[in-house]
């Protein structure tokens, strides 16, 4: 199988939607439509992940990812207080 996608690019596209959703210069009608797009992606991802097989190192990898997210959250919290 050829992996002809790039997770970084997918995330970048989702960040565009996020920035549009949180743009304070936009009206609620527009930003709500953007947030709906994020929900559509979330629902699709949840459905896809539910139907994927489980792999041996998956739990460990997910724990590592959660630890990294937690560390990043701590840094964001600390930086917000500075």
PDB file of N, CA and C in Angstrom:
ATOM      1  N   UNK A   1       0.834  -1.172   0.000  1.00  0.00           N
ATOM      2  CA  UNK A   1       0.000   0.000   0.000  1.00  0.00           C
ATOM      3  C   UNK A   1       0.882   1.239   0.000  1.00  0.00           C
ATOM      4  N   UNK A   2       0.494   2.196  -0.777  1.00  0.00           N
ATOM      5  CA  UNK A   2       1.187   3.476  -0.812  1.00  0.00           C
ATOM      6  C   UNK A   2       0.401   4.460   0.042  1.00  0.00           C
ATOM      7  N   UNK A   3       1.086   5.029   1.016  1.00  0.00           N
ATOM      8  CA  UNK A   3       0.436   6.042   1.869  1.00  0.00           C
ATOM      9  C   UNK A   3       0.551   7.374   1.143  1.00  0.00           C
ATOM     10  N   UNK A   4      -0.493   7.725   0.416  1.00  0.00           N
ATOM     11  CA  UNK A   4      -0.459   8.945  -0.385  1.00  0.00           C
ATOM     12  C   UNK A   4      -1.185  10.104   0.304  1.00  0.00           C
ATOM     13  N   UNK A   5      -1.085  10.145   1.611  1.00  0.00           N
ATOM     14  CA  UNK A   5      -1.621  11.259   2.377  1.00  0.00           C
ATOM     15  C   UNK A   5      -0.562  11.675   3.383  1.00  0.00           C
ATOM     16  N   UNK A   6      -0.774  12.824   3.979  1.00  0.00           N
ATOM     17  CA  UNK A   6       0.172  13.347   4.946  1.00  0.00           C
ATOM     18  C   UNK A   6      -0.625  13.830   6.148  1.00  0.00           C
ATOM     19  N   UNK A   7      -0.417  13.203   7.300  1.00  0.00           N
ATOM     20  CA  UNK A   7      -1.176  13.558   8.499  1.00  0.00           C
ATOM     21  C   UNK A   7      -0.971  15.023   8.866  1.00  0.00           C
ATOM     22  N   UNK A   8       0.234  15.529   8.687  1.00  0.00           N
ATOM     23  CA  UNK A   8       0.498  16.941   8.977  1.00  0.00           C
ATOM     24  C   UNK A   8      -0.349  17.870   8.130  1.00  0.00           C
ATOM     25  N   UNK A   9      -0.516  17.523   6.860  1.00  0.00           N
ATOM     26  CA  UNK A   9      -1.346  18.345   5.971  1.00  0.00           C
ATOM     27  C   UNK A   9      -2.818  18.265   6.361  1.00  0.00           C
ATOM     28  N   UNK A  10      -3.264  17.089   6.762  1.00  0.00           N
ATOM     29  CA  UNK A  10      -4.647  16.925   7.208  1.00  0.00           C
ATOM     30  C   UNK A  10      -4.885  17.778   8.445  1.00  0.00           C
ATOM     31  N   UNK A  11      -3.961  17.723   9.391  1.00  0.00           N
ATOM     32  CA  UNK A  11      -4.080  18.523  10.608  1.00  0.00           C
ATOM     33  C   UNK A  11      -4.055  20.007  10.264  1.00  0.00           C
ATOM     34  N   UNK A  12      -3.209  20.387   9.330  1.00  0.00           N
ATOM     35  CA  UNK A  12      -3.139  21.782   8.898  1.00  0.00           C
ATOM     36  C   UNK A  12      -4.480  22.253   8.332  1.00  0.00           C
ATOM     37  N   UNK A  13      -5.113  21.420   7.538  1.00  0.00           N
ATOM     38  CA  UNK A  13      -6.429  21.766   6.997  1.00  0.00           C
ATOM     39  C   UNK A  13      -7.465  21.915   8.108  1.00  0.00           C
ATOM     40  N   UNK A  14      -7.404  21.019   9.091  1.00  0.00           N
ATOM     41  CA  UNK A  14      -8.328  21.110  10.220  1.00  0.00           C
ATOM     42  C   UNK A  14      -8.068  22.371  11.037  1.00  0.00           C
ATOM     43  N   UNK A  15      -6.803  22.776  11.158  1.00  0.00           N
ATOM     44  CA  UNK A  15      -6.485  23.999  11.880  1.00  0.00           C
ATOM     45  C   UNK A  15      -7.061  25.219  11.173  1.00  0.00           C
ATOM     46  N   UNK A  16      -7.115  25.183   9.843  1.00  0.00           N
ATOM     47  CA  UNK A  16      -7.749  26.278   9.108  1.00  0.00           C
ATOM     48  C   UNK A  16      -9.219  26.413   9.513  1.00  0.00           C
ATOM     49  N   UNK A  17      -9.891  25.279   9.635  1.00  0.00           N
ATOM     50  CA  UNK A  17     -11.292  25.302  10.051  1.00  0.00           C
ATOM     51  C   UNK A  17     -11.391  25.830  11.479  1.00  0.00           C
ATOM     52  N   UNK A  18     -10.504  25.371  12.349  1.00  0.00           N
ATOM     53  CA  UNK A  18     -10.493  25.830  13.743  1.00  0.00           C
ATOM     54  C   UNK A  18     -10.304  27.344  13.820  1.00  0.00           C
ATOM     55  N   UNK A  19      -9.321  27.862  13.083  1.00  0.00           N
ATOM     56  CA  UNK A  19      -9.081  29.307  13.113  1.00  0.00           C
ATOM     57  C   UNK A  19     -10.286  30.078  12.582  1.00  0.00           C
ATOM     58  N   UNK A  20     -10.931  29.556  11.555  1.00  0.00           N
ATOM     59  CA  UNK A  20     -12.139  30.206  11.041  1.00  0.00           C
ATOM     60  C   UNK A  20     -13.253  30.167  12.087  1.00  0.00           C
ATOM     61  N   UNK A  21     -13.355  29.055  12.808  1.00  0.00           N
ATOM     62  CA  UNK A  21     -14.392  28.904  13.830  1.00  0.00           C
ATOM     63  C   UNK A  21     -14.187  29.881  14.979  1.00  0.00           C
ATOM     64  N   UNK A  22     -12.939  30.148  15.320  1.00  0.00           N
ATOM     65  CA  UNK A  22     -12.646  30.998  16.477  1.00  0.00           C
ATOM     66  C   UNK A  22     -12.305  32.437  16.091  1.00  0.00           C
ATOM     67  N   UNK A  23     -12.502  32.799  14.845  1.00  0.00           N
ATOM     68  CA  UNK A  23     -12.208  34.158  14.384  1.00  0.00           C
ATOM     69  C   UNK A  23     -13.214  35.143  14.985  1.00  0.00           C
ATOM     70  N   UNK A  24     -12.768  36.055  15.845  1.00  0.00           N
ATOM     71  CA  UNK A  24     -13.700  36.970  16.496  1.00  0.00           C
ATOM     72  C   UNK A  24     -14.330  37.987  15.545  1.00  0.00           C
ATOM     73  N   UNK A  25     -13.782  38.109  14.345  1.00  0.00           N
ATOM     74  CA  UNK A  25     -14.341  39.061  13.378  1.00  0.00           C
ATOM     75  C   UNK A  25     -15.475  38.467  12.563  1.00  0.00           C
ATOM     76  N   UNK A  26     -15.692  37.165  12.707  1.00  0.00           N
ATOM     77  CA  UNK A  26     -16.745  36.502  11.932  1.00  0.00           C
ATOM     78  C   UNK A  26     -18.029  36.418  12.746  1.00  0.00           C
ATOM     79  N   UNK A  27     -19.130  36.293  12.034  1.00  0.00           N
ATOM     80  CA  UNK A  27     -20.423  36.183  12.713  1.00  0.00           C
ATOM     81  C   UNK A  27     -20.684  34.730  13.110  1.00  0.00           C
ATOM     82  N   UNK A  28     -21.616  34.553  14.027  1.00  0.00           N
ATOM     83  CA  UNK A  28     -21.939  33.229  14.540  1.00  0.00           C
ATOM     84  C   UNK A  28     -22.479  32.285  13.485  1.00  0.00           C
ATOM     85  N   UNK A  29     -23.188  32.815  12.507  1.00  0.00           N
ATOM     86  CA  UNK A  29     -23.723  31.977  11.448  1.00  0.00           C
ATOM     87  C   UNK A  29     -22.587  31.283  10.702  1.00  0.00           C
ATOM     88  N   UNK A  30     -21.551  32.036  10.389  1.00  0.00           N
ATOM     89  CA  UNK A  30     -20.407  31.494   9.650  1.00  0.00           C
ATOM     90  C   UNK A  30     -19.581  30.556  10.521  1.00  0.00           C
ATOM     91  N   UNK A  31     -19.293  30.983  11.746  1.00  0.00           N
ATOM     92  CA  UNK A  31     -18.437  30.159  12.602  1.00  0.00           C
ATOM     93  C   UNK A  31     -19.133  28.872  13.024  1.00  0.00           C
ATOM     94  N   UNK A  32     -20.455  28.911  13.164  1.00  0.00           N
ATOM     95  CA  UNK A  32     -21.186  27.693  13.511  1.00  0.00           C
ATOM     96  C   UNK A  32     -21.069  26.674  12.385  1.00  0.00           C
ATOM     97  N   UNK A  33     -21.128  27.106  11.153  1.00  0.00           N
ATOM     98  CA  UNK A  33     -20.966  26.186  10.017  1.00  0.00           C
ATOM     99  C   UNK A  33     -19.565  25.566  10.029  1.00  0.00           C
ATOM    100  N   UNK A  34     -18.569  26.355  10.406  1.00  0.00           N
ATOM    101  CA  UNK A  34     -17.205  25.830  10.498  1.00  0.00           C
ATOM    102  C   UNK A  34     -17.110  24.778  11.603  1.00  0.00           C
ATOM    103  N   UNK A  35     -17.719  25.070  12.745  1.00  0.00           N
ATOM    104  CA  UNK A  35     -17.673  24.114  13.847  1.00  0.00           C
ATOM    105  C   UNK A  35     -18.399  22.824  13.470  1.00  0.00           C
ATOM    106  N   UNK A  36     -19.473  22.936  12.695  1.00  0.00           N
ATOM    107  CA  UNK A  36     -20.176  21.742  12.229  1.00  0.00           C
ATOM    108  C   UNK A  36     -19.252  20.877  11.381  1.00  0.00           C
ATOM    109  N   UNK A  37     -18.412  21.512  10.568  1.00  0.00           N
ATOM    110  CA  UNK A  37     -17.443  20.747   9.775  1.00  0.00           C
ATOM    111  C   UNK A  37     -16.489  19.969  10.683  1.00  0.00           C
ATOM    112  N   UNK A  38     -16.026  20.611  11.760  1.00  0.00           N
ATOM    113  CA  UNK A  38     -15.153  19.910  12.706  1.00  0.00           C
ATOM    114  C   UNK A  38     -15.880  18.725  13.334  1.00  0.00           C
ATOM    115  N   UNK A  39     -17.149  18.905  13.692  1.00  0.00           N
ATOM    116  CA  UNK A  39     -17.923  17.787  14.235  1.00  0.00           C
ATOM    117  C   UNK A  39     -18.062  16.659  13.210  1.00  0.00           C
ATOM    118  N   UNK A  40     -18.288  17.002  11.944  1.00  0.00           N
ATOM    119  CA  UNK A  40     -18.410  15.967  10.905  1.00  0.00           C
ATOM    120  C   UNK A  40     -17.127  15.134  10.818  1.00  0.00           C
ATOM    121  N   UNK A  41     -16.002  15.810  10.890  1.00  0.00           N
ATOM    122  CA  UNK A  41     -14.711  15.106  10.862  1.00  0.00           C
ATOM    123  C   UNK A  41     -14.575  14.223  12.091  1.00  0.00           C
ATOM    124  N   UNK A  42     -14.930  14.768  13.269  1.00  0.00           N
ATOM    125  CA  UNK A  42     -14.854  13.990  14.507  1.00  0.00           C
ATOM    126  C   UNK A  42     -15.711  12.733  14.411  1.00  0.00           C
ATOM    127  N   UNK A  43     -16.943  12.877  13.954  1.00  0.00           N
ATOM    128  CA  UNK A  43     -17.838  11.718  13.869  1.00  0.00           C
ATOM    129  C   UNK A  43     -17.295  10.677  12.891  1.00  0.00           C
ATOM    130  N   UNK A  44     -16.763  11.144  11.766  1.00  0.00           N
ATOM    131  CA  UNK A  44     -16.201  10.220  10.777  1.00  0.00           C
ATOM    132  C   UNK A  44     -14.991   9.489  11.351  1.00  0.00           C
ATOM    133  N   UNK A  45     -14.112  10.225  12.041  1.00  0.00           N
ATOM    134  CA  UNK A  45     -12.931   9.598  12.641  1.00  0.00           C
ATOM    135  C   UNK A  45     -13.320   8.580  13.710  1.00  0.00           C
ATOM    136  N   UNK A  46     -14.282   8.930  14.548  1.00  0.00           N
ATOM    137  CA  UNK A  46     -14.718   7.991  15.579  1.00  0.00           C
ATOM    138  C   UNK A  46     -15.253   6.707  14.954  1.00  0.00           C
ATOM    139  N   UNK A  47     -16.031   6.849  13.884  1.00  0.00           N
ATOM    140  CA  UNK A  47     -16.593   5.681  13.199  1.00  0.00           C
ATOM    141  C   UNK A  47     -15.471   4.829  12.587  1.00  0.00           C
ATOM    142  N   UNK A  48     -14.522   5.486  11.955  1.00  0.00           N
ATOM    143  CA  UNK A  48     -13.413   4.763  11.321  1.00  0.00           C
ATOM    144  C   UNK A  48     -12.556   4.039  12.356  1.00  0.00           C
ATOM    145  N   UNK A  49     -12.194   4.746  13.435  1.00  0.00           N
ATOM    146  CA  UNK A  49     -11.354   4.130  14.465  1.00  0.00           C
ATOM    147  C   UNK A  49     -12.056   2.948  15.123  1.00  0.00           C
ATOM    148  N   UNK A  50     -13.360   3.064  15.307  1.00  0.00           N
ATOM    149  CA  UNK A  50     -14.124   1.967  15.914  1.00  0.00           C
ATOM    150  C   UNK A  50     -14.050   0.703  15.052  1.00  0.00           C
ATOM    151  N   UNK A  51     -13.961   0.878  13.750  1.00  0.00           N
ATOM    152  CA  UNK A  51     -13.950  -0.256  12.833  1.00  0.00           C
ATOM    153  C   UNK A  51     -12.545  -0.755  12.491  1.00  0.00           C
ATOM    154  N   UNK A  52     -11.513  -0.092  13.004  1.00  0.00           N
ATOM    155  CA  UNK A  52     -10.135  -0.518  12.747  1.00  0.00           C
ATOM    156  C   UNK A  52      -9.746  -1.651  13.695  1.00  0.00           C
ATOM    157  N   UNK A  53      -8.824  -2.497  13.283  1.00  0.00           N
ATOM    158  CA  UNK A  53      -8.327  -3.530  14.191  1.00  0.00           C
ATOM    159  C   UNK A  53      -7.506  -2.897  15.307  1.00  0.00           C
ATOM    160  N   UNK A  54      -7.306  -3.654  16.378  1.00  0.00           N
ATOM    161  CA  UNK A  54      -6.468  -3.221  17.488  1.00  0.00           C
ATOM    162  C   UNK A  54      -5.096  -3.867  17.324  1.00  0.00           C
ATOM    163  N   UNK A  55      -4.052  -3.094  17.571  1.00  0.00           N
ATOM    164  CA  UNK A  55      -2.684  -3.566  17.380  1.00  0.00           C
ATOM    165  C   UNK A  55      -1.992  -3.718  18.731  1.00  0.00           C
ATOM    166  N   UNK A  56      -1.026  -4.606  18.790  1.00  0.00           N
ATOM    167  CA  UNK A  56      -0.334  -4.920  20.044  1.00  0.00           C
ATOM    168  C   UNK A  56       0.250  -3.675  20.726  1.00  0.00           C
ATOM    169  N   UNK A  57       0.969  -2.808  20.014  1.00  0.00           N
ATOM    170  CA  UNK A  57       1.585  -1.664  20.707  1.00  0.00           C
ATOM    171  C   UNK A  57       0.638  -0.461  20.864  1.00  0.00           C
ATOM    172  N   UNK A  58      -0.607  -0.640  20.484  1.00  0.00           N
ATOM    173  CA  UNK A  58      -1.528   0.501  20.428  1.00  0.00           C
ATOM    174  C   UNK A  58      -1.743   1.158  21.789  1.00  0.00           C
ATOM    175  N   UNK A  59      -2.001   0.385  22.820  1.00  0.00           N
ATOM    176  CA  UNK A  59      -2.258   0.959  24.143  1.00  0.00           C
ATOM    177  C   UNK A  59      -1.060   1.767  24.642  1.00  0.00           C
ATOM    178  N   UNK A  60       0.120   1.221  24.473  1.00  0.00           N
ATOM    179  CA  UNK A  60       1.326   1.928  24.912  1.00  0.00           C
ATOM    180  C   UNK A  60       1.497   3.226  24.127  1.00  0.00           C
ATOM    181  N   UNK A  61       1.299   3.174  22.820  1.00  0.00           N
ATOM    182  CA  UNK A  61       1.439   4.366  21.983  1.00  0.00           C
ATOM    183  C   UNK A  61       0.427   5.426  22.391  1.00  0.00           C
ATOM    184  N   UNK A  62      -0.806   5.015  22.651  1.00  0.00           N
ATOM    185  CA  UNK A  62      -1.836   5.970  23.067  1.00  0.00           C
ATOM    186  C   UNK A  62      -1.494   6.600  24.412  1.00  0.00           C
ATOM    187  N   UNK A  63      -0.953   5.816  25.330  1.00  0.00           N
ATOM    188  CA  UNK A  63      -0.525   6.356  26.624  1.00  0.00           C
ATOM    189  C   UNK A  63       0.577   7.392  26.439  1.00  0.00           C
ATOM    190  N   UNK A  64       1.538   7.099  25.553  1.00  0.00           N
ATOM    191  CA  UNK A  64       2.619   8.043  25.278  1.00  0.00           C
ATOM    192  C   UNK A  64       2.071   9.335  24.678  1.00  0.00           C
ATOM    193  N   UNK A  65       1.119   9.198  23.765  1.00  0.00           N
ATOM    194  CA  UNK A  65       0.518  10.386  23.154  1.00  0.00           C
ATOM    195  C   UNK A  65      -0.230  11.221  24.182  1.00  0.00           C
ATOM    196  N   UNK A  66      -0.942  10.550  25.090  1.00  0.00           N
ATOM    197  CA  UNK A  66      -1.671  11.258  26.141  1.00  0.00           C
ATOM    198  C   UNK A  66      -0.704  11.995  27.059  1.00  0.00           C
ATOM    199  N   UNK A  67       0.418  11.358  27.390  1.00  0.00           N
ATOM    200  CA  UNK A  67       1.428  11.995  28.225  1.00  0.00           C
ATOM    201  C   UNK A  67       1.968  13.254  27.542  1.00  0.00           C
ATOM    202  N   UNK A  68       2.244  13.170  26.253  1.00  0.00           N
ATOM    203  CA  UNK A  68       2.724  14.333  25.507  1.00  0.00           C
ATOM    204  C   UNK A  68       1.684  15.447  25.480  1.00  0.00           C
ATOM    205  N   UNK A  69       0.412  15.089  25.293  1.00  0.00           N
ATOM    206  CA  UNK A  69      -0.660  16.100  25.308  1.00  0.00           C
ATOM    207  C   UNK A  69      -0.766  16.741  26.682  1.00  0.00           C
ATOM    208  N   UNK A  70      -0.637  15.933  27.732  1.00  0.00           N
ATOM    209  CA  UNK A  70      -0.701  16.468  29.095  1.00  0.00           C
ATOM    210  C   UNK A  70       0.453  17.434  29.352  1.00  0.00           C
ATOM    211  N   UNK A  71       1.653  17.069  28.926  1.00  0.00           N
ATOM    212  CA  UNK A  71       2.807  17.950  29.088  1.00  0.00           C
ATOM    213  C   UNK A  71       2.590  19.263  28.348  1.00  0.00           C
ATOM    214  N   UNK A  72       2.095  19.178  27.129  1.00  0.00           N
ATOM    215  CA  UNK A  72       1.843  20.383  26.336  1.00  0.00           C
ATOM    216  C   UNK A  72       0.798  21.261  27.017  1.00  0.00           C
ATOM    217  N   UNK A  73      -0.206  20.653  27.604  1.00  0.00           N
ATOM    218  CA  UNK A  73      -1.238  21.417  28.304  1.00  0.00           C
ATOM    219  C   UNK A  73      -0.663  22.133  29.518  1.00  0.00           C
ATOM    220  N   UNK A  74       0.217  21.474  30.243  1.00  0.00           N
ATOM    221  CA  UNK A  74       0.856  22.108  31.401  1.00  0.00           C
ATOM    222  C   UNK A  74       1.655  23.318  30.945  1.00  0.00           C
ATOM    223  N   UNK A  75       2.433  23.174  29.867  1.00  0.00           N
ATOM    224  CA  UNK A  75       3.221  24.298  29.357  1.00  0.00           C
ATOM    225  C   UNK A  75       2.329  25.439  28.907  1.00  0.00           C
ATOM    226  N   UNK A  76       1.218  25.126  28.236  1.00  0.00           N
ATOM    227  CA  UNK A  76       0.296  26.186  27.809  1.00  0.00           C
ATOM    228  C   UNK A  76      -0.274  26.914  29.019  1.00  0.00           C
ATOM    229  N   UNK A  77      -0.630  26.159  30.042  1.00  0.00           N
ATOM    230  CA  UNK A  77      -1.189  26.758  31.264  1.00  0.00           C
ATOM    231  C   UNK A  77      -0.148  27.655  31.927  1.00  0.00           C
ATOM    232  N   UNK A  78       1.071  27.170  32.045  1.00  0.00           N
ATOM    233  CA  UNK A  78       2.128  27.972  32.654  1.00  0.00           C
ATOM    234  C   UNK A  78       2.434  29.231  31.842  1.00  0.00           C
ATOM    235  N   UNK A  79       2.471  29.105  30.536  1.00  0.00           N
ATOM    236  CA  UNK A  79       2.748  30.256  29.680  1.00  0.00           C
ATOM    237  C   UNK A  79       1.626  31.277  29.714  1.00  0.00           C
ATOM    238  N   UNK A  80       0.400  30.824  29.885  1.00  0.00           N
ATOM    239  CA  UNK A  80      -0.731  31.744  29.980  1.00  0.00           C
ATOM    240  C   UNK A  80      -0.661  32.591  31.241  1.00  0.00           C
ATOM    241  N   UNK A  81      -0.027  32.071  32.280  1.00  0.00           N
ATOM    242  CA  UNK A  81       0.060  32.792  33.557  1.00  0.00           C
ATOM    243  C   UNK A  81       1.211  33.766  33.582  1.00  0.00           C
ATOM    244  N   UNK A  82       2.100  33.716  32.596  1.00  0.00           N
ATOM    245  CA  UNK A  82       3.265  34.608  32.569  1.00  0.00           C
ATOM    246  C   UNK A  82       2.872  35.948  32.000  1.00  0.00           C
TER     247      UNK A  82
END
